[in-house]
Amino acid sequence: MQVADTTAKPNPDITIVRFAPSPNGLLHLGHARSALLNWRFAKRSGARFLLRIEDIDTTRARPEFEQAIFEDLSWLGLDWPEPVRRQSDHFDDYRAALVELRKLGLLYPAFMSRAEVTSHVRVYEQNGRVWPRDPDGAPHYPAVDQGLAEAERNRRIDAGDPHSWRLDMQAALDGLTSQEGETVSLTWQEDGQGPDGETGKVVADPGVWGDVVLARRDVPASYHLAVTVDDALQAITTVIRGQDLFASTSVHRLLQSLLGLPAPIYRHHSLVRDGSGRKLSKSHGDIALAELRAKGLSPADVSAMAGLDALE
């Protein structure tokens, strides 16, 4: 059977990159590396550099962290056009994408809690069997709710039962055919490098993620859905981001294909790590750019600490 290639073919007339932090903590050296790589790439190539605030999770986003993002990036010497896109201003865009996926029959409400999933997996693995897990180590969601009748789903939703909306991954993969009925091969152009040295044309493998969450009752879109929609609406042609998101690109390519959205070129870069080899993280309280600035370090010092001298 002939395979149709859906590798990204970006608009050659204009290149647009973006840096998209979440205002749920202070920026650290890892953020500085990614922001500077995007901004310097734009300056060298004549591209547009956009700043996007990914505050889809309004329970964790805080205005003081957003203000700190602006201050840190300005101190580093970056500039960007206004207005900045804030995800919290565009919930309707994500709802529209969810409606399209529901029309395709690819979404279902998932009612199992994390504790219930953990219990289900534990029982399954008691006899030495191995439950599938995604690249982040989380267990795949059990195929428990997919078979619920529509009436039962609606009854539980109307009753206020907590639930998320998940992508039926197998149905999505089964539906990947071209207009000519050919099997579609999802790939992307990698101009950077994956964690294992992947570069060039990379074959996407979204199935390894299982039935990913695309929305929750209190959060109108997951990272996977929001970033896919945002990149398309902002006409992003080159995505420059850390290697920790390399595997996620497979999900984004799938969503782009299902929703008929263009796919950018990707340039994944290595991460800034601490002395133990762990990547820097807000949740671990790694030293913030604001603290480095308060200690008297210069933007050039931070750039060197982020490893950009070796990368340039």
C-alpha atoms as a PDB file:
ATOM      1  CA  MET A   1       0.000   0.000   0.000  1.00  0.00           C
ATOM      2  CA  GLN A   2       1.350   3.414  -0.916  1.00  0.00           C
ATOM      3  CA  VAL A   3       2.041   5.731   2.003  1.00  0.00           C
ATOM      4  CA  ALA A   4       1.222   9.439   1.885  1.00  0.00           C
ATOM      5  CA  ASP A   5       3.829  11.685   3.503  1.00  0.00           C
ATOM      6  CA  THR A   6       2.549  14.498   5.752  1.00  0.00           C
ATOM      7  CA  THR A   7       5.896  16.041   6.637  1.00  0.00           C
ATOM      8  CA  ALA A   8       5.629  19.746   7.458  1.00  0.00           C
ATOM      9  CA  LYS A   9       5.942  22.148   4.519  1.00  0.00           C
ATOM     10  CA  PRO A  10       6.127  25.585   6.184  1.00  0.00           C
ATOM     11  CA  ASN A  11       5.525  28.867   4.397  1.00  0.00           C
ATOM     12  CA  PRO A  12       8.949  29.833   2.981  1.00  0.00           C
ATOM     13  CA  ASP A  13       8.037  33.520   2.809  1.00  0.00           C
ATOM     14  CA  ILE A  14       8.197  34.228   6.543  1.00  0.00           C
ATOM     15  CA  THR A  15       9.741  32.464   9.527  1.00  0.00           C
ATOM     16  CA  ILE A  16       8.122  32.871  12.942  1.00  0.00           C
ATOM     17  CA  VAL A  17       9.437  31.471  16.214  1.00  0.00           C
ATOM     18  CA  ARG A  18       8.083  31.764  19.734  1.00  0.00           C
ATOM     19  CA  PHE A  19       9.018  31.418  23.385  1.00  0.00           C
ATOM     20  CA  ALA A  20       6.052  30.254  25.444  1.00  0.00           C
ATOM     21  CA  PRO A  21       6.608  30.116  29.213  1.00  0.00           C
ATOM     22  CA  SER A  22       3.967  29.369  31.844  1.00  0.00           C
ATOM     23  CA  PRO A  23       3.520  31.972  34.610  1.00  0.00           C
ATOM     24  CA  ASN A  24       3.457  29.403  37.413  1.00  0.00           C
ATOM     25  CA  GLY A  25       6.923  30.152  38.766  1.00  0.00           C
ATOM     26  CA  LEU A  26      10.089  32.136  38.126  1.00  0.00           C
ATOM     27  CA  LEU A  27      12.224  31.556  35.037  1.00  0.00           C
ATOM     28  CA  HIS A  28      15.542  29.735  35.503  1.00  0.00           C
ATOM     29  CA  LEU A  29      18.619  29.073  33.347  1.00  0.00           C
ATOM     30  CA  GLY A  30      16.823  26.445  31.280  1.00  0.00           C
ATOM     31  CA  HIS A  31      14.223  29.009  30.266  1.00  0.00           C
ATOM     32  CA  ALA A  32      16.993  31.507  29.487  1.00  0.00           C
ATOM     33  CA  ARG A  33      18.619  29.044  27.095  1.00  0.00           C
ATOM     34  CA  SER A  34      15.403  28.383  25.208  1.00  0.00           C
ATOM     35  CA  ALA A  35      14.359  32.041  25.075  1.00  0.00           C
ATOM     36  CA  LEU A  36      17.780  33.203  23.885  1.00  0.00           C
ATOM     37  CA  LEU A  37      18.050  30.449  21.282  1.00  0.00           C
ATOM     38  CA  ASN A  38      14.695  31.501  19.829  1.00  0.00           C
ATOM     39  CA  TRP A  39      15.508  35.218  19.923  1.00  0.00           C
ATOM     40  CA  ARG A  40      19.015  34.838  18.456  1.00  0.00           C
ATOM     41  CA  PHE A  41      17.723  32.522  15.735  1.00  0.00           C
ATOM     42  CA  ALA A  42      15.179  35.199  14.807  1.00  0.00           C
ATOM     43  CA  LYS A  43      17.798  37.955  14.743  1.00  0.00           C
ATOM     44  CA  ARG A  44      20.199  35.926  12.593  1.00  0.00           C
ATOM     45  CA  SER A  45      17.587  34.762  10.091  1.00  0.00           C
ATOM     46  CA  GLY A  46      15.347  37.821   9.914  1.00  0.00           C
ATOM     47  CA  ALA A  47      12.476  35.876  11.496  1.00  0.00           C
ATOM     48  CA  ARG A  48       9.785  37.207  13.825  1.00  0.00           C
ATOM     49  CA  PHE A  49      10.128  36.365  17.523  1.00  0.00           C
ATOM     50  CA  LEU A  50       6.875  36.077  19.482  1.00  0.00           C
ATOM     51  CA  LEU A  51       6.305  35.774  23.220  1.00  0.00           C
ATOM     52  CA  ARG A  52       3.305  33.701  24.318  1.00  0.00           C
ATOM     53  CA  ILE A  53       2.036  33.302  27.878  1.00  0.00           C
ATOM     54  CA  GLU A  54       0.800  29.745  28.436  1.00  0.00           C
ATOM     55  CA  ASP A  55      -1.610  30.365  31.313  1.00  0.00           C
ATOM     56  CA  ILE A  56      -4.242  27.801  30.335  1.00  0.00           C
ATOM     57  CA  ASP A  57      -4.133  26.455  33.916  1.00  0.00           C
ATOM     58  CA  THR A  58      -5.635  29.457  35.654  1.00  0.00           C
ATOM     59  CA  THR A  59      -5.430  27.743  39.053  1.00  0.00           C
ATOM     60  CA  ARG A  60      -1.607  27.872  38.953  1.00  0.00           C
ATOM     61  CA  ALA A  61      -0.919  30.964  36.824  1.00  0.00           C
ATOM     62  CA  ARG A  62      -0.203  34.132  38.805  1.00  0.00           C
ATOM     63  CA  PRO A  63       0.103  37.720  37.554  1.00  0.00           C
ATOM     64  CA  GLU A  64       3.304  38.343  39.534  1.00  0.00           C
ATOM     65  CA  PHE A  65       5.007  35.484  37.698  1.00  0.00           C
ATOM     66  CA  GLU A  66       3.854  36.872  34.350  1.00  0.00           C
ATOM     67  CA  GLN A  67       5.302  40.254  35.245  1.00  0.00           C
ATOM     68  CA  ALA A  68       8.542  38.551  36.288  1.00  0.00           C
ATOM     69  CA  ILE A  69       8.730  36.863  32.863  1.00  0.00           C
ATOM     70  CA  PHE A  70       8.577  40.241  31.134  1.00  0.00           C
ATOM     71  CA  GLU A  71      11.211  41.692  33.453  1.00  0.00           C
ATOM     72  CA  ASP A  72      13.602  38.733  33.092  1.00  0.00           C
ATOM     73  CA  LEU A  73      13.380  38.617  29.307  1.00  0.00           C
ATOM     74  CA  SER A  74      13.765  42.381  28.951  1.00  0.00           C
ATOM     75  CA  TRP A  75      16.840  42.246  31.206  1.00  0.00           C
ATOM     76  CA  LEU A  76      18.305  39.549  28.949  1.00  0.00           C
ATOM     77  CA  GLY A  77      17.913  41.963  26.018  1.00  0.00           C
ATOM     78  CA  LEU A  78      14.930  40.353  24.295  1.00  0.00           C
ATOM     79  CA  ASP A  79      12.105  42.283  22.669  1.00  0.00           C
ATOM     80  CA  TRP A  80       8.833  41.153  21.098  1.00  0.00           C
ATOM     81  CA  PRO A  81       5.737  42.595  19.428  1.00  0.00           C
ATOM     82  CA  GLU A  82       2.592  43.420  21.355  1.00  0.00           C
ATOM     83  CA  PRO A  83       0.012  42.274  22.158  1.00  0.00           C
ATOM     84  CA  VAL A  84       1.286  39.050  23.696  1.00  0.00           C
ATOM     85  CA  ARG A  85      -1.004  36.061  23.215  1.00  0.00           C
ATOM     86  CA  ARG A  86      -2.333  34.766  26.535  1.00  0.00           C
ATOM     87  CA  GLN A  87      -4.007  31.391  26.429  1.00  0.00           C
ATOM     88  CA  SER A  88      -6.572  32.485  29.032  1.00  0.00           C
ATOM     89  CA  ASP A  89      -7.930  34.961  26.463  1.00  0.00           C
ATOM     90  CA  HIS A  90      -8.561  32.271  23.861  1.00  0.00           C
ATOM     91  CA  PHE A  91     -10.526  29.450  25.495  1.00  0.00           C
ATOM     92  CA  ASP A  92     -12.978  29.493  22.570  1.00  0.00           C
ATOM     93  CA  ASP A  93     -10.168  28.480  20.185  1.00  0.00           C
ATOM     94  CA  TYR A  94      -9.531  25.312  22.173  1.00  0.00           C
ATOM     95  CA  ARG A  95     -13.234  24.535  22.538  1.00  0.00           C
ATOM     96  CA  ALA A  96     -13.598  24.787  18.760  1.00  0.00           C
ATOM     97  CA  ALA A  97     -10.811  22.225  18.279  1.00  0.00           C
ATOM     98  CA  LEU A  98     -12.458  19.892  20.794  1.00  0.00           C
ATOM     99  CA  VAL A  99     -15.754  20.193  18.927  1.00  0.00           C
ATOM    100  CA  GLU A 100     -14.026  19.139  15.700  1.00  0.00           C
ATOM    101  CA  LEU A 101     -12.456  16.117  17.375  1.00  0.00           C
ATOM    102  CA  ARG A 102     -15.811  15.137  18.909  1.00  0.00           C
ATOM    103  CA  LYS A 103     -17.422  15.347  15.481  1.00  0.00           C
ATOM    104  CA  LEU A 104     -14.791  12.855  14.309  1.00  0.00           C
ATOM    105  CA  GLY A 105     -15.793  10.536  17.155  1.00  0.00           C
ATOM    106  CA  LEU A 106     -12.318  10.691  18.673  1.00  0.00           C
ATOM    107  CA  LEU A 107     -13.051  12.038  22.180  1.00  0.00           C
ATOM    108  CA  TYR A 108     -14.589  10.332  25.170  1.00  0.00           C
ATOM    109  CA  PRO A 109     -15.183  11.370  28.795  1.00  0.00           C
ATOM    110  CA  ALA A 110     -12.839   9.543  31.176  1.00  0.00           C
ATOM    111  CA  PHE A 111     -14.117   9.188  34.749  1.00  0.00           C
ATOM    112  CA  MET A 112     -11.400   7.160  36.480  1.00  0.00           C
ATOM    113  CA  SER A 113      -9.370   9.008  39.111  1.00  0.00           C
ATOM    114  CA  ARG A 114      -5.605   8.676  39.359  1.00  0.00           C
ATOM    115  CA  ALA A 115      -6.067   6.413  42.378  1.00  0.00           C
ATOM    116  CA  GLU A 116      -8.445   4.189  40.405  1.00  0.00           C
ATOM    117  CA  VAL A 117      -6.007   3.991  37.485  1.00  0.00           C
ATOM    118  CA  THR A 118      -3.184   3.106  39.881  1.00  0.00           C
ATOM    119  CA  SER A 119      -5.289   0.368  41.463  1.00  0.00           C
ATOM    120  CA  HIS A 120      -6.294  -1.015  38.071  1.00  0.00           C
ATOM    121  CA  VAL A 121      -2.672  -1.167  36.929  1.00  0.00           C
ATOM    122  CA  ARG A 122      -1.521  -2.721  40.198  1.00  0.00           C
ATOM    123  CA  VAL A 123      -4.018  -5.569  39.850  1.00  0.00           C
ATOM    124  CA  TYR A 124      -3.012  -6.137  36.237  1.00  0.00           C
ATOM    125  CA  GLU A 125       0.689  -6.329  37.104  1.00  0.00           C
ATOM    126  CA  GLN A 126       0.294  -8.693  40.061  1.00  0.00           C
ATOM    127  CA  ASN A 127       1.081 -11.735  37.909  1.00  0.00           C
ATOM    128  CA  GLY A 128       4.203 -10.302  36.319  1.00  0.00           C
ATOM    129  CA  ARG A 129       2.492  -8.604  33.401  1.00  0.00           C
ATOM    130  CA  VAL A 130       3.643  -5.125  32.412  1.00  0.00           C
ATOM    131  CA  TRP A 131       1.152  -2.308  31.889  1.00  0.00           C
ATOM    132  CA  PRO A 132       2.111   0.128  29.088  1.00  0.00           C
ATOM    133  CA  ARG A 133       3.448   3.524  30.134  1.00  0.00           C
ATOM    134  CA  ASP A 134       4.007   6.736  28.222  1.00  0.00           C
ATOM    135  CA  PRO A 135       7.412   8.401  27.681  1.00  0.00           C
ATOM    136  CA  ASP A 136       6.974  10.306  30.952  1.00  0.00           C
ATOM    137  CA  GLY A 137       6.441   7.060  32.854  1.00  0.00           C
ATOM    138  CA  ALA A 138       2.711   7.501  33.473  1.00  0.00           C
ATOM    139  CA  PRO A 139       0.508   4.434  32.906  1.00  0.00           C
ATOM    140  CA  HIS A 140      -1.759   4.407  29.878  1.00  0.00           C
ATOM    141  CA  TYR A 141      -5.390   5.051  30.715  1.00  0.00           C
ATOM    142  CA  PRO A 142      -7.360   1.775  30.914  1.00  0.00           C
ATOM    143  CA  ALA A 143      -9.956   1.083  28.213  1.00  0.00           C
ATOM    144  CA  VAL A 144     -12.770   1.199  30.760  1.00  0.00           C
ATOM    145  CA  ASP A 145     -14.773   4.265  29.761  1.00  0.00           C
ATOM    146  CA  GLN A 146     -14.571   3.878  25.992  1.00  0.00           C
ATOM    147  CA  GLY A 147     -17.392   1.343  25.985  1.00  0.00           C
ATOM    148  CA  LEU A 148     -19.842   3.386  28.036  1.00  0.00           C
ATOM    149  CA  ALA A 149     -23.145   4.031  26.300  1.00  0.00           C
ATOM    150  CA  GLU A 150     -23.812   7.634  25.306  1.00  0.00           C
ATOM    151  CA  ALA A 151     -26.746   7.817  27.713  1.00  0.00           C
ATOM    152  CA  GLU A 152     -24.568   6.674  30.618  1.00  0.00           C
ATOM    153  CA  ARG A 153     -21.846   9.141  29.706  1.00  0.00           C
ATOM    154  CA  ASN A 154     -24.351  11.982  29.609  1.00  0.00           C
ATOM    155  CA  ARG A 155     -25.935  10.869  32.889  1.00  0.00           C
ATOM    156  CA  ARG A 156     -22.599  10.928  34.689  1.00  0.00           C
ATOM    157  CA  ILE A 157     -21.606  14.277  33.180  1.00  0.00           C
ATOM    158  CA  ASP A 158     -24.988  15.798  34.127  1.00  0.00           C
ATOM    159  CA  ALA A 159     -24.549  14.407  37.637  1.00  0.00           C
ATOM    160  CA  GLY A 160     -21.301  16.315  37.947  1.00  0.00           C
ATOM    161  CA  ASP A 161     -18.977  13.311  38.050  1.00  0.00           C
ATOM    162  CA  PRO A 162     -15.353  14.504  37.707  1.00  0.00           C
ATOM    163  CA  HIS A 163     -13.992  13.657  34.273  1.00  0.00           C
ATOM    164  CA  SER A 164     -11.497  14.607  31.602  1.00  0.00           C
ATOM    165  CA  TRP A 165     -11.759  14.385  27.825  1.00  0.00           C
ATOM    166  CA  ARG A 166      -9.332  11.916  26.300  1.00  0.00           C
ATOM    167  CA  LEU A 167      -8.341  11.198  22.726  1.00  0.00           C
ATOM    168  CA  ASP A 168      -9.206   7.693  21.567  1.00  0.00           C
ATOM    169  CA  MET A 169      -5.695   7.059  20.310  1.00  0.00           C
ATOM    170  CA  GLN A 170      -6.374   3.853  18.401  1.00  0.00           C
ATOM    171  CA  ALA A 171      -9.380   5.351  16.621  1.00  0.00           C
ATOM    172  CA  ALA A 172      -7.313   8.437  15.771  1.00  0.00           C
ATOM    173  CA  LEU A 173      -4.506   6.326  14.323  1.00  0.00           C
ATOM    174  CA  ASP A 174      -6.966   4.142  12.416  1.00  0.00           C
ATOM    175  CA  GLY A 175      -8.446   7.255  10.829  1.00  0.00           C
ATOM    176  CA  LEU A 176      -5.155   8.551   9.473  1.00  0.00           C
ATOM    177  CA  THR A 177      -5.765   8.171   5.766  1.00  0.00           C
ATOM    178  CA  SER A 178      -5.354  10.613   2.923  1.00  0.00           C
ATOM    179  CA  GLN A 179      -8.160  11.747   0.634  1.00  0.00           C
ATOM    180  CA  GLU A 180      -7.073   8.978  -1.727  1.00  0.00           C
ATOM    181  CA  GLY A 181      -7.515   6.387   1.014  1.00  0.00           C
ATOM    182  CA  GLU A 182      -3.790   5.835   1.468  1.00  0.00           C
ATOM    183  CA  THR A 183      -2.215   5.125   4.836  1.00  0.00           C
ATOM    184  CA  VAL A 184      -0.666   8.301   6.223  1.00  0.00           C
ATOM    185  CA  SER A 185       2.841   8.295   7.642  1.00  0.00           C
ATOM    186  CA  LEU A 186       3.243  11.025  10.237  1.00  0.00           C
ATOM    187  CA  THR A 187       6.698  12.573  10.213  1.00  0.00           C
ATOM    188  CA  TRP A 188       8.294  15.868  11.097  1.00  0.00           C
ATOM    189  CA  GLN A 189      11.390  17.724  10.045  1.00  0.00           C
ATOM    190  CA  GLU A 190      13.878  17.847  12.924  1.00  0.00           C
ATOM    191  CA  ASP A 191      16.538  20.505  12.394  1.00  0.00           C
ATOM    192  CA  GLY A 192      17.782  20.205  15.953  1.00  0.00           C
ATOM    193  CA  GLN A 193      18.391  16.920  17.719  1.00  0.00           C
ATOM    194  CA  GLY A 194      16.379  14.502  19.816  1.00  0.00           C
ATOM    195  CA  PRO A 195      17.643  12.985  23.098  1.00  0.00           C
ATOM    196  CA  ASP A 196      19.041   9.978  21.226  1.00  0.00           C
ATOM    197  CA  GLY A 197      20.521  11.992  18.365  1.00  0.00           C
ATOM    198  CA  GLU A 198      17.450  11.942  16.127  1.00  0.00           C
ATOM    199  CA  THR A 199      17.608  14.481  13.324  1.00  0.00           C
ATOM    200  CA  GLY A 200      16.258  14.990   9.806  1.00  0.00           C
ATOM    201  CA  LYS A 201      12.944  13.335   8.990  1.00  0.00           C
ATOM    202  CA  VAL A 202      11.581  11.737  12.175  1.00  0.00           C
ATOM    203  CA  VAL A 203       8.699   9.261  12.180  1.00  0.00           C
ATOM    204  CA  ALA A 204       6.067  10.204  14.753  1.00  0.00           C
ATOM    205  CA  ASP A 205       4.835   7.533  17.165  1.00  0.00           C
ATOM    206  CA  PRO A 206       1.880   9.039  19.067  1.00  0.00           C
ATOM    207  CA  GLY A 207       0.602   5.610  20.102  1.00  0.00           C
ATOM    208  CA  VAL A 208       3.241   5.408  22.834  1.00  0.00           C
ATOM    209  CA  TRP A 209       1.267   8.046  24.754  1.00  0.00           C
ATOM    210  CA  GLY A 210      -1.990   6.088  24.971  1.00  0.00           C
ATOM    211  CA  ASP A 211      -5.266   7.993  25.292  1.00  0.00           C
ATOM    212  CA  VAL A 212      -3.886  11.443  26.136  1.00  0.00           C
ATOM    213  CA  VAL A 213      -5.929  14.028  28.028  1.00  0.00           C
ATOM    214  CA  LEU A 214      -7.023  16.938  25.824  1.00  0.00           C
ATOM    215  CA  ALA A 215      -9.189  18.815  28.344  1.00  0.00           C
ATOM    216  CA  ARG A 216     -10.345  18.683  31.962  1.00  0.00           C
ATOM    217  CA  ARG A 217     -13.425  20.078  33.616  1.00  0.00           C
ATOM    218  CA  ASP A 218     -11.395  22.866  35.268  1.00  0.00           C
ATOM    219  CA  VAL A 219      -8.837  23.326  32.450  1.00  0.00           C
ATOM    220  CA  PRO A 220     -10.311  23.806  28.948  1.00  0.00           C
ATOM    221  CA  ALA A 221      -7.308  22.338  27.106  1.00  0.00           C
ATOM    222  CA  SER A 222      -4.266  20.247  27.875  1.00  0.00           C
ATOM    223  CA  TYR A 223      -0.775  21.363  26.930  1.00  0.00           C
ATOM    224  CA  HIS A 224      -0.884  19.086  23.871  1.00  0.00           C
ATOM    225  CA  LEU A 225      -4.056  20.635  22.462  1.00  0.00           C
ATOM    226  CA  ALA A 226      -3.339  24.248  23.416  1.00  0.00           C
ATOM    227  CA  VAL A 227       0.187  24.326  21.997  1.00  0.00           C
ATOM    228  CA  THR A 228      -0.976  22.738  18.737  1.00  0.00           C
ATOM    229  CA  VAL A 229      -3.798  25.240  18.279  1.00  0.00           C
ATOM    230  CA  ASP A 230      -1.682  28.221  19.352  1.00  0.00           C
ATOM    231  CA  ASP A 231       1.191  27.408  17.010  1.00  0.00           C
ATOM    232  CA  ALA A 232      -1.226  27.131  14.091  1.00  0.00           C
ATOM    233  CA  LEU A 233      -3.124  30.340  14.871  1.00  0.00           C
ATOM    234  CA  GLN A 234       0.129  32.258  15.315  1.00  0.00           C
ATOM    235  CA  ALA A 235       1.557  30.779  12.079  1.00  0.00           C
ATOM    236  CA  ILE A 236       4.632  29.460  13.891  1.00  0.00           C
ATOM    237  CA  THR A 237       6.969  27.964  11.289  1.00  0.00           C
ATOM    238  CA  THR A 238       9.871  26.858  13.507  1.00  0.00           C
ATOM    239  CA  VAL A 239       9.473  25.508  17.035  1.00  0.00           C
ATOM    240  CA  ILE A 240      12.664  25.778  19.087  1.00  0.00           C
ATOM    241  CA  ARG A 241      12.275  24.021  22.426  1.00  0.00           C
ATOM    242  CA  GLY A 242      13.961  21.602  24.825  1.00  0.00           C
ATOM    243  CA  GLN A 243      14.579  17.921  24.205  1.00  0.00           C
ATOM    244  CA  ASP A 244      12.231  17.087  27.085  1.00  0.00           C
ATOM    245  CA  LEU A 245       9.382  17.844  24.666  1.00  0.00           C
ATOM    246  CA  PHE A 246      10.767  15.788  21.773  1.00  0.00           C
ATOM    247  CA  ALA A 247       8.452  12.806  22.378  1.00  0.00           C
ATOM    248  CA  SER A 248       5.445  15.123  22.718  1.00  0.00           C
ATOM    249  CA  THR A 249       5.936  16.191  19.103  1.00  0.00           C
ATOM    250  CA  SER A 250       4.385  12.897  18.008  1.00  0.00           C
ATOM    251  CA  VAL A 251       1.104  13.864  19.698  1.00  0.00           C
ATOM    252  CA  HIS A 252       1.256  17.353  18.231  1.00  0.00           C
ATOM    253  CA  ARG A 253       1.780  15.979  14.730  1.00  0.00           C
ATOM    254  CA  LEU A 254      -1.219  13.704  15.198  1.00  0.00           C
ATOM    255  CA  LEU A 255      -3.434  16.579  16.314  1.00  0.00           C
ATOM    256  CA  GLN A 256      -2.203  18.738  13.442  1.00  0.00           C
ATOM    257  CA  SER A 257      -3.160  16.003  11.004  1.00  0.00           C
ATOM    258  CA  LEU A 258      -6.586  15.388  12.562  1.00  0.00           C
ATOM    259  CA  LEU A 259      -7.446  19.093  12.685  1.00  0.00           C
ATOM    260  CA  GLY A 260      -6.010  19.946   9.269  1.00  0.00           C
ATOM    261  CA  LEU A 261      -3.396  22.309  10.720  1.00  0.00           C
ATOM    262  CA  PRO A 262       0.043  23.075   9.262  1.00  0.00           C
ATOM    263  CA  ALA A 263       3.089  21.557  10.909  1.00  0.00           C
ATOM    264  CA  PRO A 264       6.187  23.614  11.690  1.00  0.00           C
ATOM    265  CA  ILE A 265       9.814  22.567  11.541  1.00  0.00           C
ATOM    266  CA  TYR A 266      11.153  21.534  14.947  1.00  0.00           C
ATOM    267  CA  ARG A 267      14.543  22.329  16.476  1.00  0.00           C
ATOM    268  CA  HIS A 268      14.866  20.576  19.838  1.00  0.00           C
ATOM    269  CA  HIS A 269      17.843  21.643  21.912  1.00  0.00           C
ATOM    270  CA  SER A 270      19.751  20.104  24.819  1.00  0.00           C
ATOM    271  CA  LEU A 271      18.770  21.012  28.380  1.00  0.00           C
ATOM    272  CA  VAL A 272      20.533  22.839  31.166  1.00  0.00           C
ATOM    273  CA  ARG A 273      21.172  20.320  33.956  1.00  0.00           C
ATOM    274  CA  ASP A 274      22.434  20.497  37.518  1.00  0.00           C
ATOM    275  CA  GLY A 275      25.484  18.702  38.885  1.00  0.00           C
ATOM    276  CA  SER A 276      23.553  15.430  39.253  1.00  0.00           C
ATOM    277  CA  GLY A 277      22.368  15.488  35.647  1.00  0.00           C
ATOM    278  CA  ARG A 278      18.777  16.443  36.541  1.00  0.00           C
ATOM    279  CA  LYS A 279      17.123  19.004  34.269  1.00  0.00           C
ATOM    280  CA  LEU A 280      16.291  22.300  35.927  1.00  0.00           C
ATOM    281  CA  SER A 281      12.716  22.715  37.128  1.00  0.00           C
ATOM    282  CA  LYS A 282      10.514  25.323  38.784  1.00  0.00           C
ATOM    283  CA  SER A 283       9.045  22.627  41.026  1.00  0.00           C
ATOM    284  CA  HIS A 284      12.497  21.847  42.456  1.00  0.00           C
ATOM    285  CA  GLY A 285      13.126  25.507  43.246  1.00  0.00           C
ATOM    286  CA  ASP A 286      16.151  25.801  40.991  1.00  0.00           C
ATOM    287  CA  ILE A 287      17.852  29.192  41.119  1.00  0.00           C
ATOM    288  CA  ALA A 288      15.801  31.829  39.324  1.00  0.00           C
ATOM    289  CA  LEU A 289      17.036  34.444  36.860  1.00  0.00           C
ATOM    290  CA  ALA A 290      15.762  37.133  39.207  1.00  0.00           C
ATOM    291  CA  GLU A 291      18.034  35.798  41.945  1.00  0.00           C
ATOM    292  CA  LEU A 292      21.027  35.738  39.608  1.00  0.00           C
ATOM    293  CA  ARG A 293      20.250  39.312  38.610  1.00  0.00           C
ATOM    294  CA  ALA A 294      19.999  40.339  42.265  1.00  0.00           C
ATOM    295  CA  LYS A 295      23.434  38.809  42.891  1.00  0.00           C
ATOM    296  CA  GLY A 296      24.916  41.165  40.318  1.00  0.00           C
ATOM    297  CA  LEU A 297      25.331  38.792  37.377  1.00  0.00           C
ATOM    298  CA  SER A 298      25.068  40.296  33.896  1.00  0.00           C
ATOM    299  CA  PRO A 299      23.010  39.029  30.950  1.00  0.00           C
ATOM    300  CA  ALA A 300      26.296  37.850  29.401  1.00  0.00           C
ATOM    301  CA  ASP A 301      27.051  35.869  32.569  1.00  0.00           C
ATOM    302  CA  VAL A 302      23.634  34.194  32.429  1.00  0.00           C
ATOM    303  CA  SER A 303      24.044  33.438  28.734  1.00  0.00           C
ATOM    304  CA  ALA A 304      27.350  31.706  29.446  1.00  0.00           C
ATOM    305  CA  MET A 305      25.868  29.804  32.403  1.00  0.00           C
ATOM    306  CA  ALA A 306      23.068  28.629  30.094  1.00  0.00           C
ATOM    307  CA  GLY A 307      25.746  27.175  27.826  1.00  0.00           C
ATOM    308  CA  LEU A 308      25.086  29.408  24.850  1.00  0.00           C
ATOM    309  CA  ASP A 309      28.741  30.229  24.243  1.00  0.00           C
ATOM    310  CA  ALA A 310      29.296  26.563  23.421  1.00  0.00           C
ATOM    311  CA  LEU A 311      26.114  26.355  21.353  1.00  0.00           C
ATOM    312  CA  GLU A 312      26.635  29.461  19.209  1.00  0.00           C
END
